[in-house]
């Protein structure tokens, strides 16, 4: 049986874009006769709050979304992530990185993407003795994956065939941050690998992350899921929906008396599932066959 997941980060209230992705992930799972679980991506203790998790769960239940099995918290899965890091270390694929973000950004050899500098591999060539001395001296460091050269190719049931050069796009990936927090790409790779998860539906801003995570999965001998990266909701200015666009929090609409059927129908209708009129989730499942990929 197929199994999907929805994985919000409890760092704030859900907005309409989050709600639409949750609805699409749920409809994809139900339309393919599968299950869908809920995972809380709460590794970043500086940003995540229990009160936000509670509010998000309330909002999702208000929409009518139901989940199969118990809710999973990444914060409770640290032994699995540490075991994955140890496996990669044993394969000689992990090295300590002493560079700060500012240093990476300032490196003359670091090409700059739209939002963050690509890691230029500064510490990959450090002698093991020097690295050990710096660690023994208490120097703060992250752990990075020595990403192998090559293009990662996969089929996305929204975007079609995708080819991404991970080394050129991101450089060597962070497995464990310098503050000890497990890196996002590693945690998602471990959690999304089959047979636990067979399909992932999420926003297209994470399309490149699918390639990053597939590399990690392959190095861990894990089977990747299928992917569908859906378009983001945009504001009138064409930019990704954000607080500057006004009242976009799902809870704001709830508090103003909007019915959940109105939100469900509108958000599904944006993706040609139904005509945009008020709708119950179960009634939209037969119309979501196109999400099957």
C-alpha atoms as a PDB file:
ATOM      1  CA  UNK A   1       0.000   0.000   0.000  1.00  0.00           C
ATOM      2  CA  UNK A   2       1.222   3.490  -0.810  1.00  0.00           C
ATOM      3  CA  UNK A   3       1.841   5.928   2.012  1.00  0.00           C
ATOM      4  CA  UNK A   4       2.336   9.675   1.922  1.00  0.00           C
ATOM      5  CA  UNK A   5       3.066  12.216   4.599  1.00  0.00           C
ATOM      6  CA  UNK A   6       2.564  15.843   5.495  1.00  0.00           C
ATOM      7  CA  UNK A   7       5.386  17.382   7.526  1.00  0.00           C
ATOM      8  CA  UNK A   8       4.860  20.907   8.873  1.00  0.00           C
ATOM      9  CA  UNK A   9       7.435  22.784  10.922  1.00  0.00           C
ATOM     10  CA  UNK A  10       5.867  24.233  14.105  1.00  0.00           C
ATOM     11  CA  UNK A  11       7.515  27.638  13.850  1.00  0.00           C
ATOM     12  CA  UNK A  12       4.337  29.655  13.296  1.00  0.00           C
ATOM     13  CA  UNK A  13       0.705  29.404  12.238  1.00  0.00           C
ATOM     14  CA  UNK A  14      -0.165  27.614   9.012  1.00  0.00           C
ATOM     15  CA  UNK A  15      -0.853  29.910   6.060  1.00  0.00           C
ATOM     16  CA  UNK A  16      -3.013  29.213   3.034  1.00  0.00           C
ATOM     17  CA  UNK A  17      -0.071  27.847   1.064  1.00  0.00           C
ATOM     18  CA  UNK A  18       0.685  25.330   3.821  1.00  0.00           C
ATOM     19  CA  UNK A  19      -2.979  24.343   3.916  1.00  0.00           C
ATOM     20  CA  UNK A  20      -3.121  23.827   0.149  1.00  0.00           C
ATOM     21  CA  UNK A  21      -0.049  21.563   0.225  1.00  0.00           C
ATOM     22  CA  UNK A  22      -1.564  19.563   3.097  1.00  0.00           C
ATOM     23  CA  UNK A  23      -4.816  19.158   1.157  1.00  0.00           C
ATOM     24  CA  UNK A  24      -3.003  18.071  -2.016  1.00  0.00           C
ATOM     25  CA  UNK A  25      -0.839  15.566  -0.122  1.00  0.00           C
ATOM     26  CA  UNK A  26      -3.954  14.157   1.564  1.00  0.00           C
ATOM     27  CA  UNK A  27      -5.919  13.942  -1.681  1.00  0.00           C
ATOM     28  CA  UNK A  28      -2.999  12.278  -3.472  1.00  0.00           C
ATOM     29  CA  UNK A  29      -2.816   9.588  -0.806  1.00  0.00           C
ATOM     30  CA  UNK A  30      -6.568   8.968  -0.731  1.00  0.00           C
ATOM     31  CA  UNK A  31      -6.935   9.033  -4.533  1.00  0.00           C
ATOM     32  CA  UNK A  32      -4.283   6.329  -4.860  1.00  0.00           C
ATOM     33  CA  UNK A  33      -5.942   4.201  -2.184  1.00  0.00           C
ATOM     34  CA  UNK A  34      -3.101   4.795   0.221  1.00  0.00           C
ATOM     35  CA  UNK A  35      -2.457   6.080   3.702  1.00  0.00           C
ATOM     36  CA  UNK A  36      -1.021   9.385   4.861  1.00  0.00           C
ATOM     37  CA  UNK A  37       0.834  10.144   8.065  1.00  0.00           C
ATOM     38  CA  UNK A  38       1.602  13.360   9.897  1.00  0.00           C
ATOM     39  CA  UNK A  39       5.189  14.176  10.837  1.00  0.00           C
ATOM     40  CA  UNK A  40       6.227  17.199  12.873  1.00  0.00           C
ATOM     41  CA  UNK A  41       9.596  18.546  11.714  1.00  0.00           C
ATOM     42  CA  UNK A  42      10.634  20.023  15.043  1.00  0.00           C
ATOM     43  CA  UNK A  43      14.405  19.563  15.128  1.00  0.00           C
ATOM     44  CA  UNK A  44      15.215  23.278  15.221  1.00  0.00           C
ATOM     45  CA  UNK A  45      14.577  24.089  18.875  1.00  0.00           C
ATOM     46  CA  UNK A  46      15.292  27.791  18.310  1.00  0.00           C
ATOM     47  CA  UNK A  47      12.312  28.133  15.957  1.00  0.00           C
ATOM     48  CA  UNK A  48       9.852  25.404  16.923  1.00  0.00           C
ATOM     49  CA  UNK A  49       7.279  25.796  19.678  1.00  0.00           C
ATOM     50  CA  UNK A  50       4.733  23.407  21.194  1.00  0.00           C
ATOM     51  CA  UNK A  51       2.054  26.082  21.046  1.00  0.00           C
ATOM     52  CA  UNK A  52       2.495  26.386  17.303  1.00  0.00           C
ATOM     53  CA  UNK A  53       2.255  22.619  16.917  1.00  0.00           C
ATOM     54  CA  UNK A  54      -1.005  22.627  18.878  1.00  0.00           C
ATOM     55  CA  UNK A  55      -2.422  25.442  16.742  1.00  0.00           C
ATOM     56  CA  UNK A  56      -1.350  23.747  13.502  1.00  0.00           C
ATOM     57  CA  UNK A  57      -2.982  20.474  14.537  1.00  0.00           C
ATOM     58  CA  UNK A  58      -6.173  22.366  15.367  1.00  0.00           C
ATOM     59  CA  UNK A  59      -6.184  24.055  11.960  1.00  0.00           C
ATOM     60  CA  UNK A  60      -5.561  20.797  10.080  1.00  0.00           C
ATOM     61  CA  UNK A  61      -8.375  19.060  11.975  1.00  0.00           C
ATOM     62  CA  UNK A  62     -10.658  22.033  11.235  1.00  0.00           C
ATOM     63  CA  UNK A  63     -10.086  21.473   7.513  1.00  0.00           C
ATOM     64  CA  UNK A  64     -11.159  17.836   7.950  1.00  0.00           C
ATOM     65  CA  UNK A  65      -7.735  16.278   7.421  1.00  0.00           C
ATOM     66  CA  UNK A  66      -7.264  12.890   9.074  1.00  0.00           C
ATOM     67  CA  UNK A  67      -4.064  10.889   9.517  1.00  0.00           C
ATOM     68  CA  UNK A  68      -3.127   7.226   9.578  1.00  0.00           C
ATOM     69  CA  UNK A  69      -1.088   6.065  12.558  1.00  0.00           C
ATOM     70  CA  UNK A  70       0.492   8.089  15.317  1.00  0.00           C
ATOM     71  CA  UNK A  71       2.006  11.505  14.741  1.00  0.00           C
ATOM     72  CA  UNK A  72       5.784  11.299  14.347  1.00  0.00           C
ATOM     73  CA  UNK A  73       8.131  13.916  15.817  1.00  0.00           C
ATOM     74  CA  UNK A  74      11.588  14.288  14.348  1.00  0.00           C
ATOM     75  CA  UNK A  75      12.830  15.390  17.770  1.00  0.00           C
ATOM     76  CA  UNK A  76      12.121  11.826  18.982  1.00  0.00           C
ATOM     77  CA  UNK A  77      14.045  10.177  16.138  1.00  0.00           C
ATOM     78  CA  UNK A  78      17.563  11.376  16.906  1.00  0.00           C
ATOM     79  CA  UNK A  79      19.001   7.828  17.292  1.00  0.00           C
ATOM     80  CA  UNK A  80      17.981   7.074  13.688  1.00  0.00           C
ATOM     81  CA  UNK A  81      19.712  10.197  12.369  1.00  0.00           C
ATOM     82  CA  UNK A  82      22.843   9.619  14.437  1.00  0.00           C
ATOM     83  CA  UNK A  83      23.012   6.043  13.140  1.00  0.00           C
ATOM     84  CA  UNK A  84      22.807   7.366   9.569  1.00  0.00           C
ATOM     85  CA  UNK A  85      25.660   9.808  10.229  1.00  0.00           C
ATOM     86  CA  UNK A  86      27.727   6.988  11.720  1.00  0.00           C
ATOM     87  CA  UNK A  87      27.072   4.841   8.639  1.00  0.00           C
ATOM     88  CA  UNK A  88      28.237   7.620   6.332  1.00  0.00           C
ATOM     89  CA  UNK A  89      31.275   8.266   8.533  1.00  0.00           C
ATOM     90  CA  UNK A  90      32.222   4.597   8.371  1.00  0.00           C
ATOM     91  CA  UNK A  91      32.129   4.879   4.589  1.00  0.00           C
ATOM     92  CA  UNK A  92      34.568   7.803   4.712  1.00  0.00           C
ATOM     93  CA  UNK A  93      32.001  10.283   3.391  1.00  0.00           C
ATOM     94  CA  UNK A  94      31.850  12.740   6.312  1.00  0.00           C
ATOM     95  CA  UNK A  95      34.260  15.493   7.319  1.00  0.00           C
ATOM     96  CA  UNK A  96      34.244  18.322   9.883  1.00  0.00           C
ATOM     97  CA  UNK A  97      33.674  21.825   8.569  1.00  0.00           C
ATOM     98  CA  UNK A  98      34.900  24.816  10.588  1.00  0.00           C
ATOM     99  CA  UNK A  99      33.591  27.516   8.223  1.00  0.00           C
ATOM    100  CA  UNK A 100      31.000  30.010   9.378  1.00  0.00           C
ATOM    101  CA  UNK A 101      28.190  31.144   7.091  1.00  0.00           C
ATOM    102  CA  UNK A 102      29.872  34.509   6.756  1.00  0.00           C
ATOM    103  CA  UNK A 103      33.123  32.864   5.699  1.00  0.00           C
ATOM    104  CA  UNK A 104      31.378  30.727   3.111  1.00  0.00           C
ATOM    105  CA  UNK A 105      29.568  33.727   1.683  1.00  0.00           C
ATOM    106  CA  UNK A 106      32.768  35.751   1.544  1.00  0.00           C
ATOM    107  CA  UNK A 107      34.827  33.020  -0.111  1.00  0.00           C
ATOM    108  CA  UNK A 108      35.893  34.226  -3.527  1.00  0.00           C
ATOM    109  CA  UNK A 109      35.374  30.758  -4.959  1.00  0.00           C
ATOM    110  CA  UNK A 110      31.829  30.432  -3.658  1.00  0.00           C
ATOM    111  CA  UNK A 111      29.228  31.016  -6.378  1.00  0.00           C
ATOM    112  CA  UNK A 112      26.095  32.575  -4.998  1.00  0.00           C
ATOM    113  CA  UNK A 113      22.638  31.157  -5.505  1.00  0.00           C
ATOM    114  CA  UNK A 114      19.421  33.071  -5.054  1.00  0.00           C
ATOM    115  CA  UNK A 115      19.357  32.786  -1.267  1.00  0.00           C
ATOM    116  CA  UNK A 116      22.542  31.206   0.039  1.00  0.00           C
ATOM    117  CA  UNK A 117      26.140  30.750  -0.967  1.00  0.00           C
ATOM    118  CA  UNK A 118      27.148  27.352  -2.271  1.00  0.00           C
ATOM    119  CA  UNK A 119      29.724  25.714  -0.027  1.00  0.00           C
ATOM    120  CA  UNK A 120      33.077  25.753  -1.871  1.00  0.00           C
ATOM    121  CA  UNK A 121      34.529  22.682  -0.140  1.00  0.00           C
ATOM    122  CA  UNK A 122      37.082  24.584   1.923  1.00  0.00           C
ATOM    123  CA  UNK A 123      37.417  22.008   4.716  1.00  0.00           C
ATOM    124  CA  UNK A 124      37.146  18.878   2.594  1.00  0.00           C
ATOM    125  CA  UNK A 125      40.887  18.944   1.933  1.00  0.00           C
ATOM    126  CA  UNK A 126      41.915  19.489   5.578  1.00  0.00           C
ATOM    127  CA  UNK A 127      44.362  16.892   6.857  1.00  0.00           C
ATOM    128  CA  UNK A 128      42.722  14.584   9.379  1.00  0.00           C
ATOM    129  CA  UNK A 129      45.393  15.474  11.954  1.00  0.00           C
ATOM    130  CA  UNK A 130      44.660  19.201  11.663  1.00  0.00           C
ATOM    131  CA  UNK A 131      40.918  18.606  11.871  1.00  0.00           C
ATOM    132  CA  UNK A 132      41.380  16.420  14.960  1.00  0.00           C
ATOM    133  CA  UNK A 133      43.511  19.070  16.649  1.00  0.00           C
ATOM    134  CA  UNK A 134      40.952  21.766  15.993  1.00  0.00           C
ATOM    135  CA  UNK A 135      38.143  19.604  17.330  1.00  0.00           C
ATOM    136  CA  UNK A 136      40.221  18.732  20.422  1.00  0.00           C
ATOM    137  CA  UNK A 137      40.737  22.448  20.922  1.00  0.00           C
ATOM    138  CA  UNK A 138      37.005  22.936  21.149  1.00  0.00           C
ATOM    139  CA  UNK A 139      36.576  24.673  17.807  1.00  0.00           C
ATOM    140  CA  UNK A 140      32.964  24.811  16.689  1.00  0.00           C
ATOM    141  CA  UNK A 141      32.279  22.712  13.602  1.00  0.00           C
ATOM    142  CA  UNK A 142      29.587  21.129  11.488  1.00  0.00           C
ATOM    143  CA  UNK A 143      29.685  17.724   9.815  1.00  0.00           C
ATOM    144  CA  UNK A 144      29.366  17.711   6.024  1.00  0.00           C
ATOM    145  CA  UNK A 145      28.764  15.006   3.452  1.00  0.00           C
ATOM    146  CA  UNK A 146      31.361  14.748   0.715  1.00  0.00           C
ATOM    147  CA  UNK A 147      28.836  14.816  -2.125  1.00  0.00           C
ATOM    148  CA  UNK A 148      29.903  12.631  -5.049  1.00  0.00           C
ATOM    149  CA  UNK A 149      30.160  14.199  -8.493  1.00  0.00           C
ATOM    150  CA  UNK A 150      27.349  13.564 -10.942  1.00  0.00           C
ATOM    151  CA  UNK A 151      23.810  14.526 -11.859  1.00  0.00           C
ATOM    152  CA  UNK A 152      20.876  13.209  -9.861  1.00  0.00           C
ATOM    153  CA  UNK A 153      17.990  12.244 -12.160  1.00  0.00           C
ATOM    154  CA  UNK A 154      14.434  11.380 -11.148  1.00  0.00           C
ATOM    155  CA  UNK A 155      10.847  11.722 -12.309  1.00  0.00           C
ATOM    156  CA  UNK A 156       8.555  14.180 -10.578  1.00  0.00           C
ATOM    157  CA  UNK A 157       4.867  13.613 -11.323  1.00  0.00           C
ATOM    158  CA  UNK A 158       4.297  17.378 -11.518  1.00  0.00           C
ATOM    159  CA  UNK A 159       7.508  18.593 -13.185  1.00  0.00           C
ATOM    160  CA  UNK A 160       8.359  15.502 -15.225  1.00  0.00           C
ATOM    161  CA  UNK A 161      11.975  14.390 -15.599  1.00  0.00           C
ATOM    162  CA  UNK A 162      14.367  16.329 -13.359  1.00  0.00           C
ATOM    163  CA  UNK A 163      18.173  16.462 -13.461  1.00  0.00           C
ATOM    164  CA  UNK A 164      20.124  18.318 -10.751  1.00  0.00           C
ATOM    165  CA  UNK A 165      23.862  18.459 -10.154  1.00  0.00           C
ATOM    166  CA  UNK A 166      23.878  18.439  -6.351  1.00  0.00           C
ATOM    167  CA  UNK A 167      27.572  19.296  -5.952  1.00  0.00           C
ATOM    168  CA  UNK A 168      27.177  22.316  -8.245  1.00  0.00           C
ATOM    169  CA  UNK A 169      23.838  23.384  -6.765  1.00  0.00           C
ATOM    170  CA  UNK A 170      24.576  23.092  -3.044  1.00  0.00           C
ATOM    171  CA  UNK A 171      28.114  21.849  -2.520  1.00  0.00           C
ATOM    172  CA  UNK A 172      28.767  19.405   0.298  1.00  0.00           C
ATOM    173  CA  UNK A 173      25.617  19.052   2.393  1.00  0.00           C
ATOM    174  CA  UNK A 174      25.432  19.711   6.146  1.00  0.00           C
ATOM    175  CA  UNK A 175      24.584  16.536   8.043  1.00  0.00           C
ATOM    176  CA  UNK A 176      24.955  17.979  11.545  1.00  0.00           C
ATOM    177  CA  UNK A 177      24.994  21.729  12.173  1.00  0.00           C
ATOM    178  CA  UNK A 178      27.656  23.388  14.289  1.00  0.00           C
ATOM    179  CA  UNK A 179      25.105  23.743  17.112  1.00  0.00           C
ATOM    180  CA  UNK A 180      24.530  19.973  17.081  1.00  0.00           C
ATOM    181  CA  UNK A 181      21.159  20.068  15.317  1.00  0.00           C
ATOM    182  CA  UNK A 182      20.684  17.385  12.659  1.00  0.00           C
ATOM    183  CA  UNK A 183      20.592  18.857   9.162  1.00  0.00           C
ATOM    184  CA  UNK A 184      17.237  19.090   7.397  1.00  0.00           C
ATOM    185  CA  UNK A 185      18.330  17.122   4.333  1.00  0.00           C
ATOM    186  CA  UNK A 186      19.622  14.166   6.354  1.00  0.00           C
ATOM    187  CA  UNK A 187      16.566  13.975   8.616  1.00  0.00           C
ATOM    188  CA  UNK A 188      14.139  14.104   5.683  1.00  0.00           C
ATOM    189  CA  UNK A 189      16.163  11.568   3.724  1.00  0.00           C
ATOM    190  CA  UNK A 190      16.028   9.088   6.601  1.00  0.00           C
ATOM    191  CA  UNK A 191      12.333   9.701   7.301  1.00  0.00           C
ATOM    192  CA  UNK A 192      11.085   9.742   3.695  1.00  0.00           C
ATOM    193  CA  UNK A 193      12.830   6.603   2.448  1.00  0.00           C
ATOM    194  CA  UNK A 194      10.742   3.596   1.473  1.00  0.00           C
ATOM    195  CA  UNK A 195       9.110   1.461   2.800  1.00  0.00           C
ATOM    196  CA  UNK A 196       8.111   3.974   5.498  1.00  0.00           C
ATOM    197  CA  UNK A 197       7.034   6.549   2.872  1.00  0.00           C
ATOM    198  CA  UNK A 198       6.338   5.788  -0.783  1.00  0.00           C
ATOM    199  CA  UNK A 199       5.302   9.228  -2.066  1.00  0.00           C
ATOM    200  CA  UNK A 200       6.022  12.818  -1.076  1.00  0.00           C
ATOM    201  CA  UNK A 201       3.848  15.753  -2.149  1.00  0.00           C
ATOM    202  CA  UNK A 202       5.214  19.166  -1.152  1.00  0.00           C
ATOM    203  CA  UNK A 203       5.940  22.671  -2.488  1.00  0.00           C
ATOM    204  CA  UNK A 204       8.085  23.185  -5.563  1.00  0.00           C
ATOM    205  CA  UNK A 205      10.545  25.273  -3.532  1.00  0.00           C
ATOM    206  CA  UNK A 206      11.815  21.887  -2.291  1.00  0.00           C
ATOM    207  CA  UNK A 207      12.364  20.382  -5.743  1.00  0.00           C
ATOM    208  CA  UNK A 208      16.156  20.664  -5.452  1.00  0.00           C
ATOM    209  CA  UNK A 209      15.947  19.148  -1.978  1.00  0.00           C
ATOM    210  CA  UNK A 210      14.568  15.984  -3.536  1.00  0.00           C
ATOM    211  CA  UNK A 211      17.847  15.578  -5.419  1.00  0.00           C
ATOM    212  CA  UNK A 212      19.868  16.337  -2.274  1.00  0.00           C
ATOM    213  CA  UNK A 213      17.889  13.809  -0.243  1.00  0.00           C
ATOM    214  CA  UNK A 214      18.035  11.150  -2.953  1.00  0.00           C
ATOM    215  CA  UNK A 215      21.851  11.334  -2.885  1.00  0.00           C
ATOM    216  CA  UNK A 216      21.831  10.761   0.877  1.00  0.00           C
ATOM    217  CA  UNK A 217      19.325   7.917   0.549  1.00  0.00           C
ATOM    218  CA  UNK A 218      21.426   6.180  -2.075  1.00  0.00           C
ATOM    219  CA  UNK A 219      24.573   6.432   0.051  1.00  0.00           C
ATOM    220  CA  UNK A 220      22.614   4.929   2.957  1.00  0.00           C
ATOM    221  CA  UNK A 221      21.241   2.145   0.719  1.00  0.00           C
ATOM    222  CA  UNK A 222      17.689   3.424   1.186  1.00  0.00           C
ATOM    223  CA  UNK A 223      14.960   3.425  -1.453  1.00  0.00           C
ATOM    224  CA  UNK A 224      13.655   6.923  -2.315  1.00  0.00           C
ATOM    225  CA  UNK A 225       9.928   7.661  -2.615  1.00  0.00           C
ATOM    226  CA  UNK A 226       8.204   9.120  -5.648  1.00  0.00           C
ATOM    227  CA  UNK A 227       7.847  12.914  -5.653  1.00  0.00           C
ATOM    228  CA  UNK A 228       5.370  15.552  -6.709  1.00  0.00           C
ATOM    229  CA  UNK A 229       6.342  19.186  -6.125  1.00  0.00           C
ATOM    230  CA  UNK A 230       3.299  21.404  -6.457  1.00  0.00           C
ATOM    231  CA  UNK A 231       3.347  25.109  -7.422  1.00  0.00           C
ATOM    232  CA  UNK A 232       3.564  27.631  -4.606  1.00  0.00           C
ATOM    233  CA  UNK A 233       0.848  30.121  -3.842  1.00  0.00           C
ATOM    234  CA  UNK A 234       1.928  33.583  -4.920  1.00  0.00           C
ATOM    235  CA  UNK A 235       0.821  37.066  -3.946  1.00  0.00           C
ATOM    236  CA  UNK A 236      -0.423  39.694  -6.382  1.00  0.00           C
ATOM    237  CA  UNK A 237       3.176  40.826  -6.841  1.00  0.00           C
ATOM    238  CA  UNK A 238       4.180  37.395  -8.107  1.00  0.00           C
ATOM    239  CA  UNK A 239       6.311  36.668  -5.042  1.00  0.00           C
ATOM    240  CA  UNK A 240       5.896  33.704  -2.740  1.00  0.00           C
ATOM    241  CA  UNK A 241       3.006  34.211  -0.344  1.00  0.00           C
ATOM    242  CA  UNK A 242       4.232  35.882   2.845  1.00  0.00           C
ATOM    243  CA  UNK A 243       2.982  38.022   5.720  1.00  0.00           C
ATOM    244  CA  UNK A 244       3.508  41.174   3.662  1.00  0.00           C
ATOM    245  CA  UNK A 245       0.586  40.074   1.490  1.00  0.00           C
ATOM    246  CA  UNK A 246      -1.889  40.575   4.339  1.00  0.00           C
ATOM    247  CA  UNK A 247      -4.070  38.102   6.233  1.00  0.00           C
ATOM    248  CA  UNK A 248      -2.832  34.752   4.957  1.00  0.00           C
ATOM    249  CA  UNK A 249      -2.848  32.713   8.179  1.00  0.00           C
ATOM    250  CA  UNK A 250      -5.449  29.956   8.057  1.00  0.00           C
ATOM    251  CA  UNK A 251      -6.452  30.840  11.605  1.00  0.00           C
ATOM    252  CA  UNK A 252      -7.298  34.391  10.544  1.00  0.00           C
ATOM    253  CA  UNK A 253      -9.909  33.045   8.145  1.00  0.00           C
ATOM    254  CA  UNK A 254     -11.253  30.710  10.821  1.00  0.00           C
ATOM    255  CA  UNK A 255     -11.563  33.574  13.276  1.00  0.00           C
ATOM    256  CA  UNK A 256     -13.502  35.631  10.719  1.00  0.00           C
ATOM    257  CA  UNK A 257     -16.139  32.925  10.354  1.00  0.00           C
ATOM    258  CA  UNK A 258     -15.038  31.366   7.081  1.00  0.00           C
ATOM    259  CA  UNK A 259     -16.248  27.773   6.809  1.00  0.00           C
ATOM    260  CA  UNK A 260     -13.675  24.996   6.279  1.00  0.00           C
ATOM    261  CA  UNK A 261     -15.565  23.869   3.169  1.00  0.00           C
ATOM    262  CA  UNK A 262     -14.951  27.297   1.637  1.00  0.00           C
ATOM    263  CA  UNK A 263     -11.192  27.027   2.195  1.00  0.00           C
ATOM    264  CA  UNK A 264     -10.995  23.405   1.022  1.00  0.00           C
ATOM    265  CA  UNK A 265     -12.966  24.081  -2.150  1.00  0.00           C
ATOM    266  CA  UNK A 266     -11.043  27.247  -2.975  1.00  0.00           C
ATOM    267  CA  UNK A 267      -7.584  25.747  -2.451  1.00  0.00           C
ATOM    268  CA  UNK A 268      -8.374  22.532  -4.313  1.00  0.00           C
ATOM    269  CA  UNK A 269      -9.968  24.515  -7.137  1.00  0.00           C
ATOM    270  CA  UNK A 270      -6.704  26.408  -7.634  1.00  0.00           C
ATOM    271  CA  UNK A 271      -5.222  23.079  -8.729  1.00  0.00           C
ATOM    272  CA  UNK A 272      -8.156  22.122 -10.970  1.00  0.00           C
ATOM    273  CA  UNK A 273      -9.614  19.753  -8.402  1.00  0.00           C
ATOM    274  CA  UNK A 274     -13.247  20.788  -8.362  1.00  0.00           C
ATOM    275  CA  UNK A 275     -14.586  24.155  -9.464  1.00  0.00           C
ATOM    276  CA  UNK A 276     -13.562  26.178  -6.430  1.00  0.00           C
ATOM    277  CA  UNK A 277     -16.955  26.024  -4.756  1.00  0.00           C
ATOM    278  CA  UNK A 278     -17.292  24.880  -1.117  1.00  0.00           C
ATOM    279  CA  UNK A 279     -16.469  21.193  -0.786  1.00  0.00           C
ATOM    280  CA  UNK A 280     -15.784  18.420   1.690  1.00  0.00           C
ATOM    281  CA  UNK A 281     -12.444  16.657   1.334  1.00  0.00           C
ATOM    282  CA  UNK A 282     -13.987  13.227   0.797  1.00  0.00           C
ATOM    283  CA  UNK A 283     -16.053  14.550  -2.102  1.00  0.00           C
ATOM    284  CA  UNK A 284     -12.888  15.748  -3.855  1.00  0.00           C
ATOM    285  CA  UNK A 285     -11.054  12.401  -3.730  1.00  0.00           C
ATOM    286  CA  UNK A 286     -12.608  11.064  -6.980  1.00  0.00           C
ATOM    287  CA  UNK A 287     -11.633  14.322  -8.708  1.00  0.00           C
ATOM    288  CA  UNK A 288      -7.991  14.072  -7.626  1.00  0.00           C
ATOM    289  CA  UNK A 289      -7.025  11.164  -9.869  1.00  0.00           C
ATOM    290  CA  UNK A 290      -4.684  13.474 -11.819  1.00  0.00           C
ATOM    291  CA  UNK A 291      -2.508  13.751  -8.726  1.00  0.00           C
ATOM    292  CA  UNK A 292      -1.681  10.063  -8.933  1.00  0.00           C
ATOM    293  CA  UNK A 293       1.189  10.758 -11.312  1.00  0.00           C
END
